[in-house]
Amino acid sequence: MTSHYGDHCADFYDEIYGPPPKDMVRALCKLARGGSVLELGAATGRTALALLEQGLAVTGIESSTAMLQQLRSKSGADGLRVFEGDFATIRLAEEFDLIFALVSTFCLLETQKRQEQCLHNVAAMLKRDGVLVLEIFRPGGGEHEITAEGWRSHVRNELVTRTGQRFYEARLLYPEVEVLDSLATNAGLVLKERFGDWKGSSYVPDTGNHVSVYGRT
């Protein structure tokens, strides 16, 4: 479950990823077109707060109580609207200009059924001209099993933090882009663009890393 991952690394999550890259913030702002934004798996709010500072109306969904505690302790957090729960199953009544999930957060949904359920809910929450953005990395290290659904990975990492050496792990289902695009199509979404990084570099299939932009069909 995504909450288990978050609860185990919330207090040093920002040390794992650092501040949100400027190229990423710039790209997300451009895709949002000054409108409303929903982050799936908002974590400690590192990106949500950066977008809030750019004048966007930002909503987040996060399942980890520990992550939410870190988020709410930050300056400016009272300007965010955050729902605690499973982003695979929550369907808000409103529609957004931009919905996004970063750093393979989408892959924390460990079954294809949950990933497809998430995409169906996203399609229902997108405005007619809104977009979904998924940043996904092919897992490195750990244990991997290649299945028809994608790479099933159990990743274990250690990190030297300000409080000493810490350990965290994650279980992921990484769908190859063909599978992901098929799931999106079934949910009523179509691929609009795919990049290799936030600078807009060309996607290189061999790396398995991509930023994919989907719109409603």
C-alpha atoms as a PDB file:
ATOM      1  CA  MET A   1       0.000   0.000   0.000  1.00  0.00           C
ATOM      2  CA  THR A   2       1.183   3.543  -0.749  1.00  0.00           C
ATOM      3  CA  SER A   3       0.590   4.570   2.879  1.00  0.00           C
ATOM      4  CA  HIS A   4       3.116   1.997   4.125  1.00  0.00           C
ATOM      5  CA  TYR A   5       5.837   3.431   1.889  1.00  0.00           C
ATOM      6  CA  GLY A   6       5.059   6.983   3.012  1.00  0.00           C
ATOM      7  CA  ASP A   7       4.864   6.203   6.714  1.00  0.00           C
ATOM      8  CA  HIS A   8       8.314   4.604   6.654  1.00  0.00           C
ATOM      9  CA  CYS A   9      10.183   7.473   4.993  1.00  0.00           C
ATOM     10  CA  ALA A  10       8.156  10.619   5.661  1.00  0.00           C
ATOM     11  CA  ASP A  11      10.631  12.219   8.046  1.00  0.00           C
ATOM     12  CA  PHE A  12      13.481  12.059   5.502  1.00  0.00           C
ATOM     13  CA  TYR A  13      11.487  12.033   2.233  1.00  0.00           C
ATOM     14  CA  ASP A  14      12.649  15.538   1.300  1.00  0.00           C
ATOM     15  CA  GLU A  15      16.247  14.378   1.675  1.00  0.00           C
ATOM     16  CA  ILE A  16      15.599  11.562  -0.817  1.00  0.00           C
ATOM     17  CA  TYR A  17      14.304  13.860  -3.557  1.00  0.00           C
ATOM     18  CA  GLY A  18      15.358  17.382  -2.576  1.00  0.00           C
ATOM     19  CA  PRO A  19      13.607  20.542  -3.802  1.00  0.00           C
ATOM     20  CA  PRO A  20      11.442  20.124  -6.914  1.00  0.00           C
ATOM     21  CA  PRO A  21      13.523  20.745 -10.063  1.00  0.00           C
ATOM     22  CA  LYS A  22      12.894  24.119 -11.658  1.00  0.00           C
ATOM     23  CA  ASP A  23      12.355  22.506 -15.066  1.00  0.00           C
ATOM     24  CA  MET A  24       9.621  20.325 -13.579  1.00  0.00           C
ATOM     25  CA  VAL A  25       7.850  23.222 -11.876  1.00  0.00           C
ATOM     26  CA  ARG A  26       8.059  25.263 -15.072  1.00  0.00           C
ATOM     27  CA  ALA A  27       6.649  22.421 -17.183  1.00  0.00           C
ATOM     28  CA  LEU A  28       3.779  21.703 -14.786  1.00  0.00           C
ATOM     29  CA  CYS A  29       2.840  25.386 -14.635  1.00  0.00           C
ATOM     30  CA  LYS A  30       2.755  25.539 -18.423  1.00  0.00           C
ATOM     31  CA  LEU A  31       0.519  22.458 -18.602  1.00  0.00           C
ATOM     32  CA  ALA A  32      -1.800  23.839 -15.894  1.00  0.00           C
ATOM     33  CA  ARG A  33      -2.315  27.072 -17.872  1.00  0.00           C
ATOM     34  CA  GLY A  34      -3.023  29.011 -14.697  1.00  0.00           C
ATOM     35  CA  GLY A  35      -5.840  26.682 -13.689  1.00  0.00           C
ATOM     36  CA  SER A  36      -6.567  24.079 -11.045  1.00  0.00           C
ATOM     37  CA  VAL A  37      -4.161  21.287 -10.141  1.00  0.00           C
ATOM     38  CA  LEU A  38      -4.482  17.907  -8.418  1.00  0.00           C
ATOM     39  CA  GLU A  39      -1.435  15.942  -7.243  1.00  0.00           C
ATOM     40  CA  LEU A  40      -1.791  12.196  -6.737  1.00  0.00           C
ATOM     41  CA  GLY A  41       0.426  11.189  -3.828  1.00  0.00           C
ATOM     42  CA  ALA A  42       1.267  14.687  -2.593  1.00  0.00           C
ATOM     43  CA  ALA A  43       3.726  13.319   0.004  1.00  0.00           C
ATOM     44  CA  THR A  44       5.313  16.163   2.016  1.00  0.00           C
ATOM     45  CA  GLY A  45       3.981  18.800  -0.369  1.00  0.00           C
ATOM     46  CA  ARG A  46       7.382  19.648  -1.861  1.00  0.00           C
ATOM     47  CA  THR A  47       5.914  20.095  -5.353  1.00  0.00           C
ATOM     48  CA  ALA A  48       2.418  21.200  -4.375  1.00  0.00           C
ATOM     49  CA  LEU A  49       3.820  24.116  -2.374  1.00  0.00           C
ATOM     50  CA  ALA A  50       6.096  25.144  -5.251  1.00  0.00           C
ATOM     51  CA  LEU A  51       3.089  25.270  -7.592  1.00  0.00           C
ATOM     52  CA  LEU A  52       1.078  27.173  -4.993  1.00  0.00           C
ATOM     53  CA  GLU A  53       3.829  29.799  -4.956  1.00  0.00           C
ATOM     54  CA  GLN A  54       3.292  30.172  -8.718  1.00  0.00           C
ATOM     55  CA  GLY A  55      -0.315  31.184  -8.130  1.00  0.00           C
ATOM     56  CA  LEU A  56      -2.026  27.889  -8.968  1.00  0.00           C
ATOM     57  CA  ALA A  57      -4.977  26.453  -7.028  1.00  0.00           C
ATOM     58  CA  VAL A  58      -3.525  23.180  -5.729  1.00  0.00           C
ATOM     59  CA  THR A  59      -5.258  20.112  -4.293  1.00  0.00           C
ATOM     60  CA  GLY A  60      -3.515  16.948  -3.155  1.00  0.00           C
ATOM     61  CA  ILE A  61      -4.381  13.369  -2.236  1.00  0.00           C
ATOM     62  CA  GLU A  62      -2.097  11.483   0.147  1.00  0.00           C
ATOM     63  CA  SER A  63      -2.633   8.196   1.979  1.00  0.00           C
ATOM     64  CA  SER A  64       0.202   8.440   4.514  1.00  0.00           C
ATOM     65  CA  THR A  65      -0.618  10.154   7.802  1.00  0.00           C
ATOM     66  CA  ALA A  66       3.095  10.658   8.471  1.00  0.00           C
ATOM     67  CA  MET A  67       3.571  12.387   5.112  1.00  0.00           C
ATOM     68  CA  LEU A  68       0.623  14.660   5.838  1.00  0.00           C
ATOM     69  CA  GLN A  69       2.096  15.614   9.197  1.00  0.00           C
ATOM     70  CA  GLN A  70       5.290  16.697   7.447  1.00  0.00           C
ATOM     71  CA  LEU A  71       3.278  18.627   4.847  1.00  0.00           C
ATOM     72  CA  ARG A  72       1.154  20.473   7.404  1.00  0.00           C
ATOM     73  CA  SER A  73       4.224  21.565   9.340  1.00  0.00           C
ATOM     74  CA  LYS A  74       5.535  23.555   6.369  1.00  0.00           C
ATOM     75  CA  SER A  75       5.095  27.242   5.734  1.00  0.00           C
ATOM     76  CA  GLY A  76       2.262  27.911   3.295  1.00  0.00           C
ATOM     77  CA  ALA A  77       0.616  24.512   3.803  1.00  0.00           C
ATOM     78  CA  ASP A  78      -2.627  26.166   4.900  1.00  0.00           C
ATOM     79  CA  GLY A  79      -3.021  27.329   1.308  1.00  0.00           C
ATOM     80  CA  LEU A  80      -3.242  23.740   0.067  1.00  0.00           C
ATOM     81  CA  ARG A  81      -6.356  21.598   0.063  1.00  0.00           C
ATOM     82  CA  VAL A  82      -5.387  18.030   0.878  1.00  0.00           C
ATOM     83  CA  PHE A  83      -7.473  14.859   1.151  1.00  0.00           C
ATOM     84  CA  GLU A  84      -6.207  11.874   3.097  1.00  0.00           C
ATOM     85  CA  GLY A  85      -6.887   8.626   1.264  1.00  0.00           C
ATOM     86  CA  ASP A  86      -6.014   6.248  -1.550  1.00  0.00           C
ATOM     87  CA  PHE A  87      -5.514   8.127  -4.822  1.00  0.00           C
ATOM     88  CA  ALA A  88      -6.465   4.990  -6.748  1.00  0.00           C
ATOM     89  CA  THR A  89     -10.005   5.082  -5.416  1.00  0.00           C
ATOM     90  CA  ILE A  90     -10.807   8.707  -4.530  1.00  0.00           C
ATOM     91  CA  ARG A  91     -12.906  10.519  -7.117  1.00  0.00           C
ATOM     92  CA  LEU A  92     -13.531  14.174  -6.322  1.00  0.00           C
ATOM     93  CA  ALA A  93     -16.667  15.849  -7.654  1.00  0.00           C
ATOM     94  CA  GLU A  94     -14.815  18.662  -9.402  1.00  0.00           C
ATOM     95  CA  GLU A  95     -12.654  18.739 -12.527  1.00  0.00           C
ATOM     96  CA  PHE A  96      -9.058  19.896 -12.881  1.00  0.00           C
ATOM     97  CA  ASP A  97      -6.873  21.414 -15.583  1.00  0.00           C
ATOM     98  CA  LEU A  98      -3.890  19.305 -14.541  1.00  0.00           C
ATOM     99  CA  ILE A  99      -3.594  16.047 -12.611  1.00  0.00           C
ATOM    100  CA  PHE A 100      -0.131  14.604 -12.016  1.00  0.00           C
ATOM    101  CA  ALA A 101       1.891  11.943 -10.178  1.00  0.00           C
ATOM    102  CA  LEU A 102       5.661  12.228  -9.849  1.00  0.00           C
ATOM    103  CA  VAL A 103       8.738  10.026  -9.277  1.00  0.00           C
ATOM    104  CA  SER A 104       6.944   6.736 -10.071  1.00  0.00           C
ATOM    105  CA  THR A 105       4.290   7.320  -7.412  1.00  0.00           C
ATOM    106  CA  PHE A 106       1.767   5.846  -9.846  1.00  0.00           C
ATOM    107  CA  CYS A 107       3.772   2.592  -9.741  1.00  0.00           C
ATOM    108  CA  LEU A 108       3.141   2.256  -6.004  1.00  0.00           C
ATOM    109  CA  LEU A 109      -0.272   0.968  -7.105  1.00  0.00           C
ATOM    110  CA  GLU A 110       0.828  -2.665  -7.049  1.00  0.00           C
ATOM    111  CA  THR A 111      -1.767  -4.231  -9.344  1.00  0.00           C
ATOM    112  CA  GLN A 112      -2.906  -3.463 -12.849  1.00  0.00           C
ATOM    113  CA  LYS A 113      -6.482  -3.349 -11.571  1.00  0.00           C
ATOM    114  CA  ARG A 114      -5.624  -0.521  -9.167  1.00  0.00           C
ATOM    115  CA  GLN A 115      -3.691   1.354 -11.826  1.00  0.00           C
ATOM    116  CA  GLU A 116      -6.606   1.096 -14.229  1.00  0.00           C
ATOM    117  CA  GLN A 117      -9.048   2.162 -11.520  1.00  0.00           C
ATOM    118  CA  CYS A 118      -6.894   5.217 -10.861  1.00  0.00           C
ATOM    119  CA  LEU A 119      -6.850   6.165 -14.543  1.00  0.00           C
ATOM    120  CA  HIS A 120     -10.646   5.835 -14.792  1.00  0.00           C
ATOM    121  CA  ASN A 121     -11.048   8.184 -11.831  1.00  0.00           C
ATOM    122  CA  VAL A 122      -8.530  10.616 -13.293  1.00  0.00           C
ATOM    123  CA  ALA A 123     -10.404  10.727 -16.593  1.00  0.00           C
ATOM    124  CA  ALA A 124     -13.576  11.622 -14.712  1.00  0.00           C
ATOM    125  CA  MET A 125     -11.791  14.444 -12.853  1.00  0.00           C
ATOM    126  CA  LEU A 126     -10.138  16.049 -15.884  1.00  0.00           C
ATOM    127  CA  LYS A 127     -11.630  19.018 -17.642  1.00  0.00           C
ATOM    128  CA  ARG A 128     -12.367  18.493 -21.314  1.00  0.00           C
ATOM    129  CA  ASP A 129      -9.015  20.040 -22.278  1.00  0.00           C
ATOM    130  CA  GLY A 130      -7.188  19.003 -19.097  1.00  0.00           C
ATOM    131  CA  VAL A 131      -4.137  16.738 -18.955  1.00  0.00           C
ATOM    132  CA  LEU A 132      -2.738  13.952 -16.828  1.00  0.00           C
ATOM    133  CA  VAL A 133       1.050  13.867 -16.370  1.00  0.00           C
ATOM    134  CA  LEU A 134       2.901  10.783 -15.117  1.00  0.00           C
ATOM    135  CA  GLU A 135       6.617  10.803 -14.337  1.00  0.00           C
ATOM    136  CA  ILE A 136       7.822   7.207 -14.255  1.00  0.00           C
ATOM    137  CA  PHE A 137      11.239   5.608 -13.828  1.00  0.00           C
ATOM    138  CA  ARG A 138      12.080   1.989 -14.513  1.00  0.00           C
ATOM    139  CA  PRO A 139      13.120   0.525 -11.143  1.00  0.00           C
ATOM    140  CA  GLY A 140      16.812   0.013 -10.479  1.00  0.00           C
ATOM    141  CA  GLY A 141      18.332  -2.258  -7.840  1.00  0.00           C
ATOM    142  CA  GLY A 142      16.327  -4.581  -5.643  1.00  0.00           C
ATOM    143  CA  GLU A 143      14.429  -7.642  -6.816  1.00  0.00           C
ATOM    144  CA  HIS A 144      12.541  -7.692 -10.125  1.00  0.00           C
ATOM    145  CA  GLU A 145      10.130 -10.020 -11.829  1.00  0.00           C
ATOM    146  CA  ILE A 146       9.025  -9.291 -15.389  1.00  0.00           C
ATOM    147  CA  THR A 147       5.364 -10.179 -15.927  1.00  0.00           C
ATOM    148  CA  ALA A 148       2.691  -9.436 -18.514  1.00  0.00           C
ATOM    149  CA  GLU A 149       1.590  -6.501 -16.344  1.00  0.00           C
ATOM    150  CA  GLY A 150       5.093  -5.048 -16.138  1.00  0.00           C
ATOM    151  CA  TRP A 151       8.104  -5.069 -13.844  1.00  0.00           C
ATOM    152  CA  ARG A 152       7.230  -6.123 -10.301  1.00  0.00           C
ATOM    153  CA  SER A 153       9.942  -4.670  -8.113  1.00  0.00           C
ATOM    154  CA  HIS A 154      10.866  -4.767  -4.459  1.00  0.00           C
ATOM    155  CA  VAL A 155      13.327  -1.906  -4.075  1.00  0.00           C
ATOM    156  CA  ARG A 156      15.414  -1.482  -0.911  1.00  0.00           C
ATOM    157  CA  ASN A 157      17.530   1.617  -0.391  1.00  0.00           C
ATOM    158  CA  GLU A 158      19.697   3.132   2.309  1.00  0.00           C
ATOM    159  CA  LEU A 159      20.334   6.841   2.722  1.00  0.00           C
ATOM    160  CA  VAL A 160      22.564   8.876   5.009  1.00  0.00           C
ATOM    161  CA  THR A 161      20.276  11.570   6.430  1.00  0.00           C
ATOM    162  CA  ARG A 162      20.686  14.348   8.975  1.00  0.00           C
ATOM    163  CA  THR A 163      19.525  11.835  11.605  1.00  0.00           C
ATOM    164  CA  GLY A 164      21.908   9.103  10.482  1.00  0.00           C
ATOM    165  CA  GLN A 165      21.682   6.156   8.127  1.00  0.00           C
ATOM    166  CA  ARG A 166      18.100   5.276   7.245  1.00  0.00           C
ATOM    167  CA  PHE A 167      16.494   2.439   5.313  1.00  0.00           C
ATOM    168  CA  TYR A 168      13.376   2.461   3.172  1.00  0.00           C
ATOM    169  CA  GLU A 169      11.731   0.147   0.671  1.00  0.00           C
ATOM    170  CA  ALA A 170       9.002   0.185  -1.910  1.00  0.00           C
ATOM    171  CA  ARG A 171       7.031  -2.358  -3.920  1.00  0.00           C
ATOM    172  CA  LEU A 172       6.251  -1.176  -7.421  1.00  0.00           C
ATOM    173  CA  LEU A 173       4.508  -2.281 -10.570  1.00  0.00           C
ATOM    174  CA  TYR A 174       6.199  -0.570 -13.506  1.00  0.00           C
ATOM    175  CA  PRO A 175       4.085  -0.914 -16.674  1.00  0.00           C
ATOM    176  CA  GLU A 176       5.912  -0.697 -19.978  1.00  0.00           C
ATOM    177  CA  VAL A 177       4.723   2.278 -22.003  1.00  0.00           C
ATOM    178  CA  GLU A 178       2.645   0.090 -24.335  1.00  0.00           C
ATOM    179  CA  VAL A 179       0.769  -1.353 -21.355  1.00  0.00           C
ATOM    180  CA  LEU A 180       0.362   2.065 -19.761  1.00  0.00           C
ATOM    181  CA  ASP A 181      -0.995   3.543 -22.979  1.00  0.00           C
ATOM    182  CA  SER A 182      -3.451   0.661 -23.290  1.00  0.00           C
ATOM    183  CA  LEU A 183      -4.693   1.171 -19.724  1.00  0.00           C
ATOM    184  CA  ALA A 184      -5.069   4.878 -20.438  1.00  0.00           C
ATOM    185  CA  THR A 185      -7.036   4.163 -23.623  1.00  0.00           C
ATOM    186  CA  ASN A 186      -9.398   1.884 -21.704  1.00  0.00           C
ATOM    187  CA  ALA A 187      -9.973   4.723 -19.256  1.00  0.00           C
ATOM    188  CA  GLY A 188     -10.813   7.219 -21.995  1.00  0.00           C
ATOM    189  CA  LEU A 189      -7.400   8.894 -22.174  1.00  0.00           C
ATOM    190  CA  VAL A 190      -5.051   9.336 -25.105  1.00  0.00           C
ATOM    191  CA  LEU A 191      -1.305  10.003 -25.173  1.00  0.00           C
ATOM    192  CA  LYS A 192      -0.552  13.561 -26.284  1.00  0.00           C
ATOM    193  CA  GLU A 193       3.208  13.803 -25.635  1.00  0.00           C
ATOM    194  CA  ARG A 194       6.004  11.727 -24.131  1.00  0.00           C
ATOM    195  CA  PHE A 195       9.382  13.082 -23.083  1.00  0.00           C
ATOM    196  CA  GLY A 196      12.549  11.664 -21.611  1.00  0.00           C
ATOM    197  CA  ASP A 197      12.759  14.340 -18.912  1.00  0.00           C
ATOM    198  CA  TRP A 198      11.310  17.650 -17.747  1.00  0.00           C
ATOM    199  CA  LYS A 199      13.475  19.596 -20.190  1.00  0.00           C
ATOM    200  CA  GLY A 200      11.482  18.066 -23.040  1.00  0.00           C
ATOM    201  CA  SER A 201      14.236  15.729 -24.259  1.00  0.00           C
ATOM    202  CA  SER A 202      13.229  12.921 -26.576  1.00  0.00           C
ATOM    203  CA  TYR A 203      12.015   9.750 -24.930  1.00  0.00           C
ATOM    204  CA  VAL A 204      14.553   6.905 -25.196  1.00  0.00           C
ATOM    205  CA  PRO A 205      12.747   3.543 -24.895  1.00  0.00           C
ATOM    206  CA  ASP A 206      15.820   1.678 -23.649  1.00  0.00           C
ATOM    207  CA  THR A 207      15.970   3.777 -20.473  1.00  0.00           C
ATOM    208  CA  GLY A 208      12.335   3.199 -19.533  1.00  0.00           C
ATOM    209  CA  ASN A 209      12.190   6.651 -17.949  1.00  0.00           C
ATOM    210  CA  HIS A 210       9.531   9.020 -19.208  1.00  0.00           C
ATOM    211  CA  VAL A 211       7.215  11.962 -18.616  1.00  0.00           C
ATOM    212  CA  SER A 212       3.925  11.122 -20.307  1.00  0.00           C
ATOM    213  CA  VAL A 213       1.100  13.559 -20.970  1.00  0.00           C
ATOM    214  CA  TYR A 214      -2.439  12.248 -21.530  1.00  0.00           C
ATOM    215  CA  GLY A 215      -5.654  14.030 -22.426  1.00  0.00           C
ATOM    216  CA  ARG A 216      -9.279  12.983 -22.624  1.00  0.00           C
ATOM    217  CA  THR A 217     -10.459  11.375 -25.824  1.00  0.00           C
END
